[in-house]
């Protein structure tokens, strides 16, 4: 019995040491690895949110000065395409002629396509390329690293807005639903 206790204690110490070693091992490409993880999450959340909102609520505005839900969904697709085009020479889908009043299916498809485009565009990125210029975004020149930060920040912001619109419409957002 004494040997069994000693063996169990030794096994526990080895497992603890192995876990500690894994926690302290450096992560390869920590920035691009994180954004590649986040795109999967936000693609699911933002697409599901767009699908959950009924088509007749795409014109819903929480207040007069805010954009309607259809405009928010279109903005998500256009922003993804704009920023992710900075990481690849492949052209993004043309959404310039789209309108917030286009039907729900067309707007949802644009969001899905924009996330597929971004996934492909960032797949080849690694942290060594983050200092490369991504051109102008707004009035300033921006690096690829800066563009990735904006992209992640906007995914969070866009989904937060979608969740608010859904809740105000009596719909539970995807992140609040049991999995």
N, C-alpha and C. Protein backbone atom coordinates (compact mmCIF):
# COMPACT_ATOMS: atom_id res chain seq x y z
N UNK A 1 0.82 -1.18 0.00
CA UNK A 1 0.00 0.00 0.00
C UNK A 1 0.87 1.25 0.00
N UNK A 2 1.99 1.20 0.78
CA UNK A 2 2.90 2.34 0.86
C UNK A 2 3.49 2.64 -0.51
N UNK A 3 3.84 1.58 -1.28
CA UNK A 3 4.42 1.78 -2.60
C UNK A 3 3.40 2.37 -3.57
N UNK A 4 2.14 2.00 -3.41
CA UNK A 4 1.09 2.54 -4.26
C UNK A 4 0.92 4.04 -4.03
N UNK A 5 0.99 4.45 -2.76
CA UNK A 5 0.87 5.87 -2.42
C UNK A 5 2.05 6.66 -2.97
N UNK A 6 3.25 6.11 -2.86
CA UNK A 6 4.45 6.76 -3.37
C UNK A 6 4.37 6.87 -4.90
N UNK A 7 3.91 5.80 -5.55
CA UNK A 7 3.77 5.80 -7.01
C UNK A 7 2.76 6.86 -7.45
N UNK A 8 1.62 6.95 -6.74
CA UNK A 8 0.59 7.94 -7.08
C UNK A 8 1.13 9.35 -6.91
N UNK A 9 1.88 9.58 -5.83
CA UNK A 9 2.47 10.91 -5.60
C UNK A 9 3.47 11.25 -6.70
N UNK A 10 4.31 10.29 -7.07
CA UNK A 10 5.30 10.52 -8.13
C UNK A 10 4.61 10.80 -9.45
N UNK A 11 3.56 10.06 -9.77
CA UNK A 11 2.81 10.28 -11.01
C UNK A 11 2.19 11.67 -11.03
N UNK A 12 1.65 12.09 -9.90
CA UNK A 12 1.05 13.42 -9.80
C UNK A 12 2.10 14.51 -10.01
N UNK A 13 3.28 14.33 -9.44
CA UNK A 13 4.35 15.32 -9.61
C UNK A 13 4.82 15.39 -11.06
N UNK A 14 4.94 14.24 -11.71
CA UNK A 14 5.35 14.22 -13.12
C UNK A 14 4.31 14.92 -13.98
N UNK A 15 3.03 14.65 -13.73
CA UNK A 15 1.96 15.29 -14.50
C UNK A 15 1.95 16.80 -14.28
N UNK A 16 2.15 17.22 -13.05
CA UNK A 16 2.20 18.65 -12.73
C UNK A 16 3.38 19.31 -13.43
N UNK A 17 4.54 18.67 -13.40
CA UNK A 17 5.72 19.22 -14.06
C UNK A 17 5.51 19.31 -15.56
N UNK A 18 4.89 18.29 -16.15
CA UNK A 18 4.63 18.30 -17.59
C UNK A 18 3.66 19.42 -17.95
N UNK A 19 2.62 19.60 -17.13
CA UNK A 19 1.66 20.67 -17.39
C UNK A 19 2.32 22.03 -17.27
N UNK A 20 3.19 22.21 -16.28
CA UNK A 20 3.89 23.48 -16.11
C UNK A 20 4.80 23.76 -17.28
N UNK A 21 5.47 22.72 -17.78
CA UNK A 21 6.37 22.90 -18.92
C UNK A 21 5.59 23.32 -20.16
N UNK A 22 4.39 22.76 -20.34
CA UNK A 22 3.57 23.14 -21.48
C UNK A 22 3.12 24.58 -21.37
N UNK A 23 2.78 25.02 -20.16
CA UNK A 23 2.31 26.39 -19.97
C UNK A 23 3.39 27.41 -20.25
N UNK A 24 4.65 27.07 -20.02
CA UNK A 24 5.72 28.03 -20.19
C UNK A 24 6.40 27.94 -21.55
N UNK A 25 6.05 26.94 -22.34
CA UNK A 25 6.64 26.82 -23.68
C UNK A 25 6.18 28.00 -24.53
N UNK A 26 7.10 28.61 -25.27
CA UNK A 26 6.70 29.75 -26.10
C UNK A 26 5.74 29.32 -27.21
N UNK A 27 4.81 30.19 -27.51
CA UNK A 27 3.83 29.94 -28.57
C UNK A 27 4.42 30.48 -29.87
N UNK A 28 4.37 29.66 -30.91
CA UNK A 28 4.81 30.13 -32.22
C UNK A 28 3.77 31.10 -32.77
N UNK A 29 4.20 32.24 -33.26
CA UNK A 29 3.30 33.22 -33.88
C UNK A 29 2.09 33.54 -33.00
N UNK A 30 2.31 34.08 -31.81
CA UNK A 30 1.20 34.29 -30.89
C UNK A 30 0.10 35.23 -31.39
N UNK A 31 0.44 36.22 -32.17
CA UNK A 31 -0.56 37.17 -32.64
C UNK A 31 -1.41 36.55 -33.75
N UNK A 32 -0.76 36.05 -34.79
CA UNK A 32 -1.52 35.48 -35.90
C UNK A 32 -2.24 34.20 -35.48
N UNK A 33 -1.65 33.45 -34.57
CA UNK A 33 -2.34 32.23 -34.08
C UNK A 33 -3.64 32.60 -33.38
N UNK A 34 -3.60 33.66 -32.58
CA UNK A 34 -4.80 34.08 -31.85
C UNK A 34 -5.89 34.57 -32.80
N UNK A 35 -5.52 35.37 -33.79
CA UNK A 35 -6.54 35.88 -34.71
C UNK A 35 -7.13 34.74 -35.54
N UNK A 36 -6.34 33.74 -35.85
CA UNK A 36 -6.84 32.56 -36.58
C UNK A 36 -7.83 31.77 -35.73
N UNK A 37 -7.61 31.76 -34.41
CA UNK A 37 -8.59 31.12 -33.51
C UNK A 37 -9.85 31.96 -33.42
N UNK A 38 -9.69 33.27 -33.32
CA UNK A 38 -10.82 34.16 -33.15
C UNK A 38 -11.72 34.21 -34.38
N UNK A 39 -11.16 34.08 -35.57
CA UNK A 39 -12.00 34.17 -36.76
C UNK A 39 -13.03 33.05 -36.77
N UNK A 40 -12.65 31.89 -36.30
CA UNK A 40 -13.60 30.77 -36.25
C UNK A 40 -14.76 31.10 -35.33
N UNK A 41 -14.46 31.67 -34.18
CA UNK A 41 -15.49 32.03 -33.20
C UNK A 41 -16.41 33.12 -33.75
N UNK A 42 -15.83 34.20 -34.25
CA UNK A 42 -16.66 35.32 -34.70
C UNK A 42 -17.40 35.02 -35.99
N UNK A 43 -16.84 34.18 -36.83
CA UNK A 43 -17.58 33.76 -38.02
C UNK A 43 -18.87 33.06 -37.59
N UNK A 44 -18.75 32.16 -36.64
CA UNK A 44 -19.94 31.44 -36.16
C UNK A 44 -20.93 32.40 -35.51
N UNK A 45 -20.46 33.24 -34.60
CA UNK A 45 -21.36 34.13 -33.86
C UNK A 45 -22.04 35.15 -34.78
N UNK A 46 -21.27 35.80 -35.65
CA UNK A 46 -21.84 36.85 -36.49
C UNK A 46 -22.76 36.29 -37.57
N UNK A 47 -22.41 35.12 -38.09
CA UNK A 47 -23.27 34.48 -39.08
C UNK A 47 -24.57 34.01 -38.44
N UNK A 48 -24.47 33.35 -37.29
CA UNK A 48 -25.67 32.89 -36.59
C UNK A 48 -26.56 34.05 -36.19
N UNK A 49 -25.96 35.15 -35.74
CA UNK A 49 -26.75 36.32 -35.36
C UNK A 49 -27.51 36.86 -36.58
N UNK A 50 -26.84 36.93 -37.71
CA UNK A 50 -27.50 37.41 -38.93
C UNK A 50 -28.63 36.47 -39.35
N UNK A 51 -28.43 35.17 -39.15
CA UNK A 51 -29.45 34.19 -39.50
C UNK A 51 -30.63 34.21 -38.53
N UNK A 52 -30.35 34.48 -37.25
CA UNK A 52 -31.41 34.47 -36.23
C UNK A 52 -32.40 35.63 -36.38
N UNK A 53 -31.90 36.78 -36.81
CA UNK A 53 -32.78 37.94 -36.94
C UNK A 53 -33.77 37.69 -38.08
N UNK A 54 -35.06 37.78 -37.79
CA UNK A 54 -36.05 37.60 -38.87
C UNK A 54 -35.88 38.65 -39.97
N UNK A 55 -36.18 38.27 -41.19
CA UNK A 55 -36.02 39.17 -42.34
C UNK A 55 -36.77 40.48 -42.14
N UNK A 56 -37.95 40.43 -41.53
CA UNK A 56 -38.72 41.66 -41.35
C UNK A 56 -38.14 42.57 -40.27
N UNK A 57 -37.14 42.09 -39.54
CA UNK A 57 -36.48 42.91 -38.51
C UNK A 57 -35.15 43.48 -39.00
N UNK A 58 -34.79 43.24 -40.24
CA UNK A 58 -33.53 43.78 -40.76
C UNK A 58 -33.59 45.31 -40.86
N UNK A 59 -34.77 45.88 -40.83
CA UNK A 59 -34.90 47.34 -40.85
C UNK A 59 -34.95 47.93 -39.43
N UNK A 60 -34.86 47.08 -38.42
CA UNK A 60 -34.94 47.52 -37.02
C UNK A 60 -33.74 48.38 -36.64
N UNK A 61 -34.05 49.51 -35.96
CA UNK A 61 -33.05 50.42 -35.41
C UNK A 61 -33.37 50.60 -33.93
N UNK A 62 -32.41 50.41 -33.03
CA UNK A 62 -32.68 50.64 -31.62
C UNK A 62 -33.03 52.10 -31.31
N UNK A 63 -32.45 53.02 -32.07
CA UNK A 63 -32.78 54.44 -31.95
C UNK A 63 -32.59 55.08 -33.32
N UNK A 64 -33.22 56.24 -33.54
CA UNK A 64 -33.18 56.85 -34.89
C UNK A 64 -31.78 57.12 -35.43
N UNK A 65 -30.82 57.44 -34.56
CA UNK A 65 -29.48 57.78 -35.05
C UNK A 65 -28.60 56.57 -35.33
N UNK A 66 -29.07 55.38 -35.00
CA UNK A 66 -28.29 54.17 -35.22
C UNK A 66 -28.60 53.56 -36.58
N UNK A 67 -27.69 52.74 -37.08
CA UNK A 67 -27.93 52.03 -38.33
C UNK A 67 -28.93 50.91 -38.07
N UNK A 68 -29.60 50.47 -39.12
CA UNK A 68 -30.51 49.34 -38.94
C UNK A 68 -29.71 48.04 -39.01
N UNK A 69 -30.36 46.94 -38.65
CA UNK A 69 -29.67 45.65 -38.58
C UNK A 69 -29.12 45.24 -39.94
N UNK A 70 -29.86 45.46 -41.00
CA UNK A 70 -29.37 45.13 -42.35
C UNK A 70 -28.11 45.90 -42.69
N UNK A 71 -28.04 47.16 -42.30
CA UNK A 71 -26.86 47.97 -42.54
C UNK A 71 -25.66 47.43 -41.75
N UNK A 72 -25.92 47.00 -40.52
CA UNK A 72 -24.85 46.41 -39.70
C UNK A 72 -24.31 45.14 -40.36
N UNK A 73 -25.20 44.28 -40.83
CA UNK A 73 -24.77 43.04 -41.47
C UNK A 73 -23.96 43.34 -42.74
N UNK A 74 -24.42 44.28 -43.54
CA UNK A 74 -23.68 44.67 -44.74
C UNK A 74 -22.31 45.25 -44.36
N UNK A 75 -22.28 46.08 -43.32
CA UNK A 75 -21.02 46.67 -42.86
C UNK A 75 -20.03 45.58 -42.45
N UNK A 76 -20.49 44.54 -41.79
CA UNK A 76 -19.61 43.44 -41.38
C UNK A 76 -18.94 42.84 -42.61
N UNK A 77 -19.73 42.52 -43.62
CA UNK A 77 -19.18 41.91 -44.84
C UNK A 77 -18.18 42.86 -45.52
N UNK A 78 -18.55 44.11 -45.64
CA UNK A 78 -17.69 45.07 -46.34
C UNK A 78 -16.40 45.34 -45.56
N UNK A 79 -16.49 45.45 -44.24
CA UNK A 79 -15.29 45.69 -43.44
C UNK A 79 -14.35 44.50 -43.50
N UNK A 80 -14.90 43.29 -43.36
CA UNK A 80 -14.06 42.08 -43.48
C UNK A 80 -13.33 42.08 -44.81
N UNK A 81 -14.06 42.32 -45.89
CA UNK A 81 -13.44 42.31 -47.22
C UNK A 81 -12.37 43.39 -47.36
N UNK A 82 -12.66 44.57 -46.86
CA UNK A 82 -11.70 45.67 -46.95
C UNK A 82 -10.40 45.35 -46.22
N UNK A 83 -10.51 44.96 -44.97
CA UNK A 83 -9.31 44.72 -44.18
C UNK A 83 -8.56 43.48 -44.65
N UNK A 84 -9.27 42.40 -44.91
CA UNK A 84 -8.60 41.16 -45.30
C UNK A 84 -7.98 41.24 -46.68
N UNK A 85 -8.43 42.18 -47.51
CA UNK A 85 -7.81 42.37 -48.82
C UNK A 85 -6.38 42.88 -48.67
N UNK A 86 -6.03 43.37 -47.49
CA UNK A 86 -4.68 43.88 -47.23
C UNK A 86 -3.67 42.76 -46.99
N UNK A 87 -4.15 41.52 -46.87
CA UNK A 87 -3.26 40.40 -46.57
C UNK A 87 -3.07 39.46 -47.75
N UNK A 88 -3.69 39.74 -48.87
CA UNK A 88 -3.66 38.83 -50.01
C UNK A 88 -3.80 39.61 -51.30
N UNK A 89 -3.36 39.00 -52.39
CA UNK A 89 -3.56 39.62 -53.70
C UNK A 89 -4.87 39.16 -54.34
N UNK A 90 -5.51 38.15 -53.74
CA UNK A 90 -6.79 37.67 -54.26
C UNK A 90 -7.87 38.72 -53.99
N UNK A 91 -8.69 39.01 -54.98
CA UNK A 91 -9.73 40.03 -54.77
C UNK A 91 -10.88 39.51 -53.90
N UNK A 92 -11.44 40.41 -53.13
CA UNK A 92 -12.62 40.10 -52.32
C UNK A 92 -13.86 40.19 -53.21
N UNK A 93 -14.94 39.60 -52.74
CA UNK A 93 -16.22 39.72 -53.45
C UNK A 93 -16.60 41.20 -53.51
N UNK A 94 -17.20 41.60 -54.60
CA UNK A 94 -17.61 42.99 -54.76
C UNK A 94 -18.95 43.21 -54.08
N UNK A 95 -18.93 43.96 -53.00
CA UNK A 95 -20.17 44.27 -52.26
C UNK A 95 -20.52 45.75 -52.35
N UNK A 96 -19.83 46.48 -53.22
CA UNK A 96 -20.06 47.93 -53.33
C UNK A 96 -21.48 48.27 -53.75
N UNK A 97 -22.06 47.44 -54.59
CA UNK A 97 -23.41 47.71 -55.09
C UNK A 97 -24.51 47.17 -54.16
N UNK A 98 -24.11 46.46 -53.14
CA UNK A 98 -25.12 45.92 -52.21
C UNK A 98 -25.71 47.04 -51.37
N UNK A 99 -26.92 46.82 -50.90
CA UNK A 99 -27.61 47.81 -50.07
C UNK A 99 -28.14 47.14 -48.81
N UNK A 100 -28.32 47.93 -47.78
CA UNK A 100 -28.88 47.42 -46.53
C UNK A 100 -30.29 46.87 -46.71
N UNK A 101 -30.93 47.26 -47.79
CA UNK A 101 -32.29 46.81 -48.07
C UNK A 101 -32.34 45.53 -48.90
N UNK A 102 -31.16 45.01 -49.29
CA UNK A 102 -31.15 43.73 -50.00
C UNK A 102 -31.75 42.67 -49.08
N UNK A 103 -32.23 41.59 -49.67
CA UNK A 103 -32.90 40.58 -48.84
C UNK A 103 -31.91 39.91 -47.88
N UNK A 104 -32.47 39.38 -46.82
CA UNK A 104 -31.68 38.77 -45.75
C UNK A 104 -30.73 37.71 -46.28
N UNK A 105 -31.22 36.83 -47.16
CA UNK A 105 -30.38 35.75 -47.67
C UNK A 105 -29.13 36.29 -48.37
N UNK A 106 -29.29 37.36 -49.12
CA UNK A 106 -28.15 37.95 -49.83
C UNK A 106 -27.15 38.56 -48.85
N UNK A 107 -27.64 39.22 -47.80
CA UNK A 107 -26.77 39.83 -46.81
C UNK A 107 -26.04 38.77 -45.98
N UNK A 108 -26.76 37.72 -45.59
CA UNK A 108 -26.13 36.63 -44.82
C UNK A 108 -25.06 35.96 -45.68
N UNK A 109 -25.36 35.73 -46.94
CA UNK A 109 -24.39 35.12 -47.84
C UNK A 109 -23.12 35.99 -47.96
N UNK A 110 -23.29 37.29 -47.98
CA UNK A 110 -22.15 38.20 -48.06
C UNK A 110 -21.28 38.10 -46.82
N UNK A 111 -21.90 37.97 -45.65
CA UNK A 111 -21.13 37.81 -44.40
C UNK A 111 -20.36 36.49 -44.44
N UNK A 112 -21.03 35.42 -44.82
CA UNK A 112 -20.36 34.11 -44.89
C UNK A 112 -19.18 34.16 -45.85
N UNK A 113 -19.40 34.76 -47.01
CA UNK A 113 -18.34 34.86 -48.01
C UNK A 113 -17.18 35.71 -47.51
N UNK A 114 -17.48 36.78 -46.77
CA UNK A 114 -16.42 37.65 -46.26
C UNK A 114 -15.56 36.91 -45.22
N UNK A 115 -16.18 36.10 -44.39
CA UNK A 115 -15.39 35.34 -43.42
C UNK A 115 -14.57 34.25 -44.11
N UNK A 116 -15.11 33.63 -45.13
CA UNK A 116 -14.34 32.63 -45.89
C UNK A 116 -13.13 33.31 -46.54
N UNK A 117 -13.35 34.50 -47.09
CA UNK A 117 -12.27 35.27 -47.71
C UNK A 117 -11.20 35.61 -46.67
N UNK A 118 -11.62 36.08 -45.50
CA UNK A 118 -10.67 36.43 -44.44
C UNK A 118 -9.89 35.21 -43.97
N UNK A 119 -10.57 34.09 -43.83
CA UNK A 119 -9.90 32.87 -43.38
C UNK A 119 -8.77 32.51 -44.35
N UNK A 120 -9.05 32.58 -45.63
CA UNK A 120 -8.04 32.29 -46.63
C UNK A 120 -6.93 33.34 -46.62
N UNK A 121 -7.31 34.61 -46.48
CA UNK A 121 -6.34 35.70 -46.52
C UNK A 121 -5.36 35.66 -45.36
N UNK A 122 -5.81 35.28 -44.18
CA UNK A 122 -4.91 35.28 -43.02
C UNK A 122 -4.22 33.94 -42.81
N UNK A 123 -4.61 32.91 -43.55
CA UNK A 123 -4.04 31.57 -43.36
C UNK A 123 -2.51 31.56 -43.51
N UNK A 124 -1.99 32.32 -44.45
CA UNK A 124 -0.55 32.31 -44.71
C UNK A 124 0.22 33.31 -43.85
N UNK A 125 -0.46 34.12 -43.07
CA UNK A 125 0.23 35.11 -42.24
C UNK A 125 0.93 34.45 -41.06
N UNK A 126 2.08 35.00 -40.72
CA UNK A 126 2.72 34.66 -39.46
C UNK A 126 3.25 35.96 -38.85
N UNK A 127 3.67 35.90 -37.63
CA UNK A 127 4.05 37.13 -36.92
C UNK A 127 5.22 37.87 -37.57
N UNK A 128 6.04 37.17 -38.35
CA UNK A 128 7.19 37.83 -38.97
C UNK A 128 6.77 38.85 -40.03
N UNK A 129 5.53 38.79 -40.50
CA UNK A 129 5.07 39.70 -41.55
C UNK A 129 4.21 40.85 -41.02
N UNK A 130 4.07 40.95 -39.71
CA UNK A 130 3.15 41.95 -39.15
C UNK A 130 3.63 43.39 -39.32
N UNK A 131 4.91 43.59 -39.53
CA UNK A 131 5.42 44.94 -39.74
C UNK A 131 5.29 45.43 -41.17
N UNK A 132 4.91 44.55 -42.08
CA UNK A 132 4.75 44.90 -43.49
C UNK A 132 3.57 45.86 -43.63
N UNK A 133 3.72 46.84 -44.50
CA UNK A 133 2.64 47.81 -44.71
C UNK A 133 1.40 47.14 -45.30
N UNK A 134 0.26 47.54 -44.78
CA UNK A 134 -1.03 47.08 -45.32
C UNK A 134 -1.70 48.21 -46.09
N UNK A 135 -0.97 49.30 -46.31
CA UNK A 135 -1.52 50.43 -47.05
C UNK A 135 -2.32 51.36 -46.17
N UNK A 136 -3.18 52.13 -46.80
CA UNK A 136 -3.99 53.10 -46.06
C UNK A 136 -5.32 52.48 -45.63
N UNK A 137 -5.66 52.72 -44.40
CA UNK A 137 -7.00 52.44 -43.88
C UNK A 137 -7.43 53.72 -43.21
N UNK A 138 -8.42 54.36 -43.77
CA UNK A 138 -8.76 55.69 -43.29
C UNK A 138 -7.65 56.64 -43.71
N UNK A 139 -7.34 57.61 -42.85
CA UNK A 139 -6.34 58.61 -43.24
C UNK A 139 -4.89 58.16 -43.03
N UNK A 140 -4.70 57.01 -42.37
CA UNK A 140 -3.34 56.61 -41.98
C UNK A 140 -2.87 55.35 -42.68
N UNK A 141 -1.54 55.29 -42.87
CA UNK A 141 -0.93 54.04 -43.30
C UNK A 141 -0.95 53.11 -42.10
N UNK A 142 -1.10 51.83 -42.37
CA UNK A 142 -1.21 50.87 -41.28
C UNK A 142 -0.41 49.62 -41.63
N UNK A 143 0.12 48.97 -40.62
CA UNK A 143 0.85 47.73 -40.82
C UNK A 143 -0.13 46.56 -40.83
N UNK A 144 0.35 45.41 -41.26
CA UNK A 144 -0.50 44.21 -41.19
C UNK A 144 -0.90 43.92 -39.74
N UNK A 145 0.03 44.14 -38.83
CA UNK A 145 -0.28 43.92 -37.41
C UNK A 145 -1.38 44.85 -36.94
N UNK A 146 -1.30 46.10 -37.35
CA UNK A 146 -2.35 47.06 -37.00
C UNK A 146 -3.69 46.68 -37.61
N UNK A 147 -3.65 46.22 -38.85
CA UNK A 147 -4.88 45.79 -39.52
C UNK A 147 -5.49 44.58 -38.81
N UNK A 148 -4.65 43.65 -38.35
CA UNK A 148 -5.18 42.49 -37.61
C UNK A 148 -5.81 42.93 -36.29
N UNK A 149 -5.20 43.90 -35.63
CA UNK A 149 -5.79 44.41 -34.38
C UNK A 149 -7.15 45.05 -34.65
N UNK A 150 -7.24 45.85 -35.70
CA UNK A 150 -8.53 46.45 -36.06
C UNK A 150 -9.57 45.39 -36.39
N UNK A 151 -9.15 44.37 -37.10
CA UNK A 151 -10.07 43.31 -37.50
C UNK A 151 -10.65 42.62 -36.27
N UNK A 152 -9.79 42.21 -35.36
CA UNK A 152 -10.26 41.55 -34.14
C UNK A 152 -11.13 42.45 -33.29
N UNK A 153 -10.74 43.71 -33.19
CA UNK A 153 -11.53 44.68 -32.43
C UNK A 153 -12.92 44.86 -33.04
N UNK A 154 -12.97 44.92 -34.35
CA UNK A 154 -14.26 45.11 -35.01
C UNK A 154 -15.13 43.87 -34.95
N UNK A 155 -14.53 42.68 -34.98
CA UNK A 155 -15.35 41.47 -34.81
C UNK A 155 -16.08 41.52 -33.48
N UNK A 156 -15.35 41.90 -32.45
CA UNK A 156 -15.95 42.01 -31.11
C UNK A 156 -17.04 43.07 -31.10
N UNK A 157 -16.75 44.22 -31.66
CA UNK A 157 -17.71 45.33 -31.69
C UNK A 157 -18.95 44.98 -32.51
N UNK A 158 -18.75 44.40 -33.67
CA UNK A 158 -19.88 44.06 -34.53
C UNK A 158 -20.77 43.01 -33.88
N UNK A 159 -20.16 41.98 -33.31
CA UNK A 159 -21.00 40.96 -32.67
C UNK A 159 -21.73 41.54 -31.46
N UNK A 160 -21.07 42.38 -30.69
CA UNK A 160 -21.74 43.01 -29.54
C UNK A 160 -22.96 43.79 -29.98
N UNK A 161 -22.82 44.53 -31.06
CA UNK A 161 -23.96 45.29 -31.59
C UNK A 161 -25.07 44.33 -32.05
N UNK A 162 -24.69 43.28 -32.77
CA UNK A 162 -25.70 42.32 -33.21
C UNK A 162 -26.45 41.72 -32.01
N UNK A 163 -25.71 41.38 -30.96
CA UNK A 163 -26.33 40.78 -29.77
C UNK A 163 -27.34 41.75 -29.15
N UNK A 164 -27.01 43.02 -29.12
CA UNK A 164 -27.93 44.02 -28.57
C UNK A 164 -29.19 44.11 -29.43
N UNK A 165 -29.03 44.18 -30.75
CA UNK A 165 -30.19 44.24 -31.64
C UNK A 165 -31.08 43.02 -31.45
N UNK A 166 -30.45 41.84 -31.34
CA UNK A 166 -31.23 40.62 -31.14
C UNK A 166 -31.99 40.66 -29.83
N UNK A 167 -31.32 41.03 -28.75
CA UNK A 167 -31.99 41.07 -27.44
C UNK A 167 -33.13 42.08 -27.44
N UNK A 168 -32.93 43.22 -28.06
CA UNK A 168 -34.01 44.22 -28.12
C UNK A 168 -35.18 43.73 -28.97
N UNK A 169 -34.91 42.73 -29.81
CA UNK A 169 -35.96 42.13 -30.63
C UNK A 169 -36.53 40.86 -29.98
N UNK A 170 -36.13 40.60 -28.73
CA UNK A 170 -36.63 39.44 -28.02
C UNK A 170 -36.00 38.12 -28.43
N UNK A 171 -34.80 38.18 -29.00
CA UNK A 171 -34.11 36.97 -29.48
C UNK A 171 -32.82 36.80 -28.70
N UNK A 172 -32.60 35.59 -28.21
CA UNK A 172 -31.37 35.28 -27.48
C UNK A 172 -30.21 35.15 -28.45
N UNK A 173 -29.13 35.92 -28.25
CA UNK A 173 -27.99 35.86 -29.18
C UNK A 173 -27.28 34.51 -29.10
N UNK A 174 -26.52 34.15 -30.14
CA UNK A 174 -25.84 32.87 -30.17
C UNK A 174 -24.94 32.59 -28.97
N UNK A 175 -24.24 33.59 -28.49
CA UNK A 175 -23.30 33.38 -27.38
C UNK A 175 -24.02 33.13 -26.06
N UNK A 176 -25.31 33.44 -25.98
CA UNK A 176 -26.08 33.23 -24.75
C UNK A 176 -26.89 31.91 -24.79
N UNK A 177 -26.85 31.25 -25.93
CA UNK A 177 -27.59 30.00 -26.08
C UNK A 177 -26.76 28.83 -25.58
N UNK A 178 -27.41 27.85 -24.97
CA UNK A 178 -26.66 26.66 -24.55
C UNK A 178 -26.11 25.93 -25.78
N UNK A 179 -24.93 25.37 -25.63
CA UNK A 179 -24.32 24.65 -26.76
C UNK A 179 -24.67 23.20 -26.71
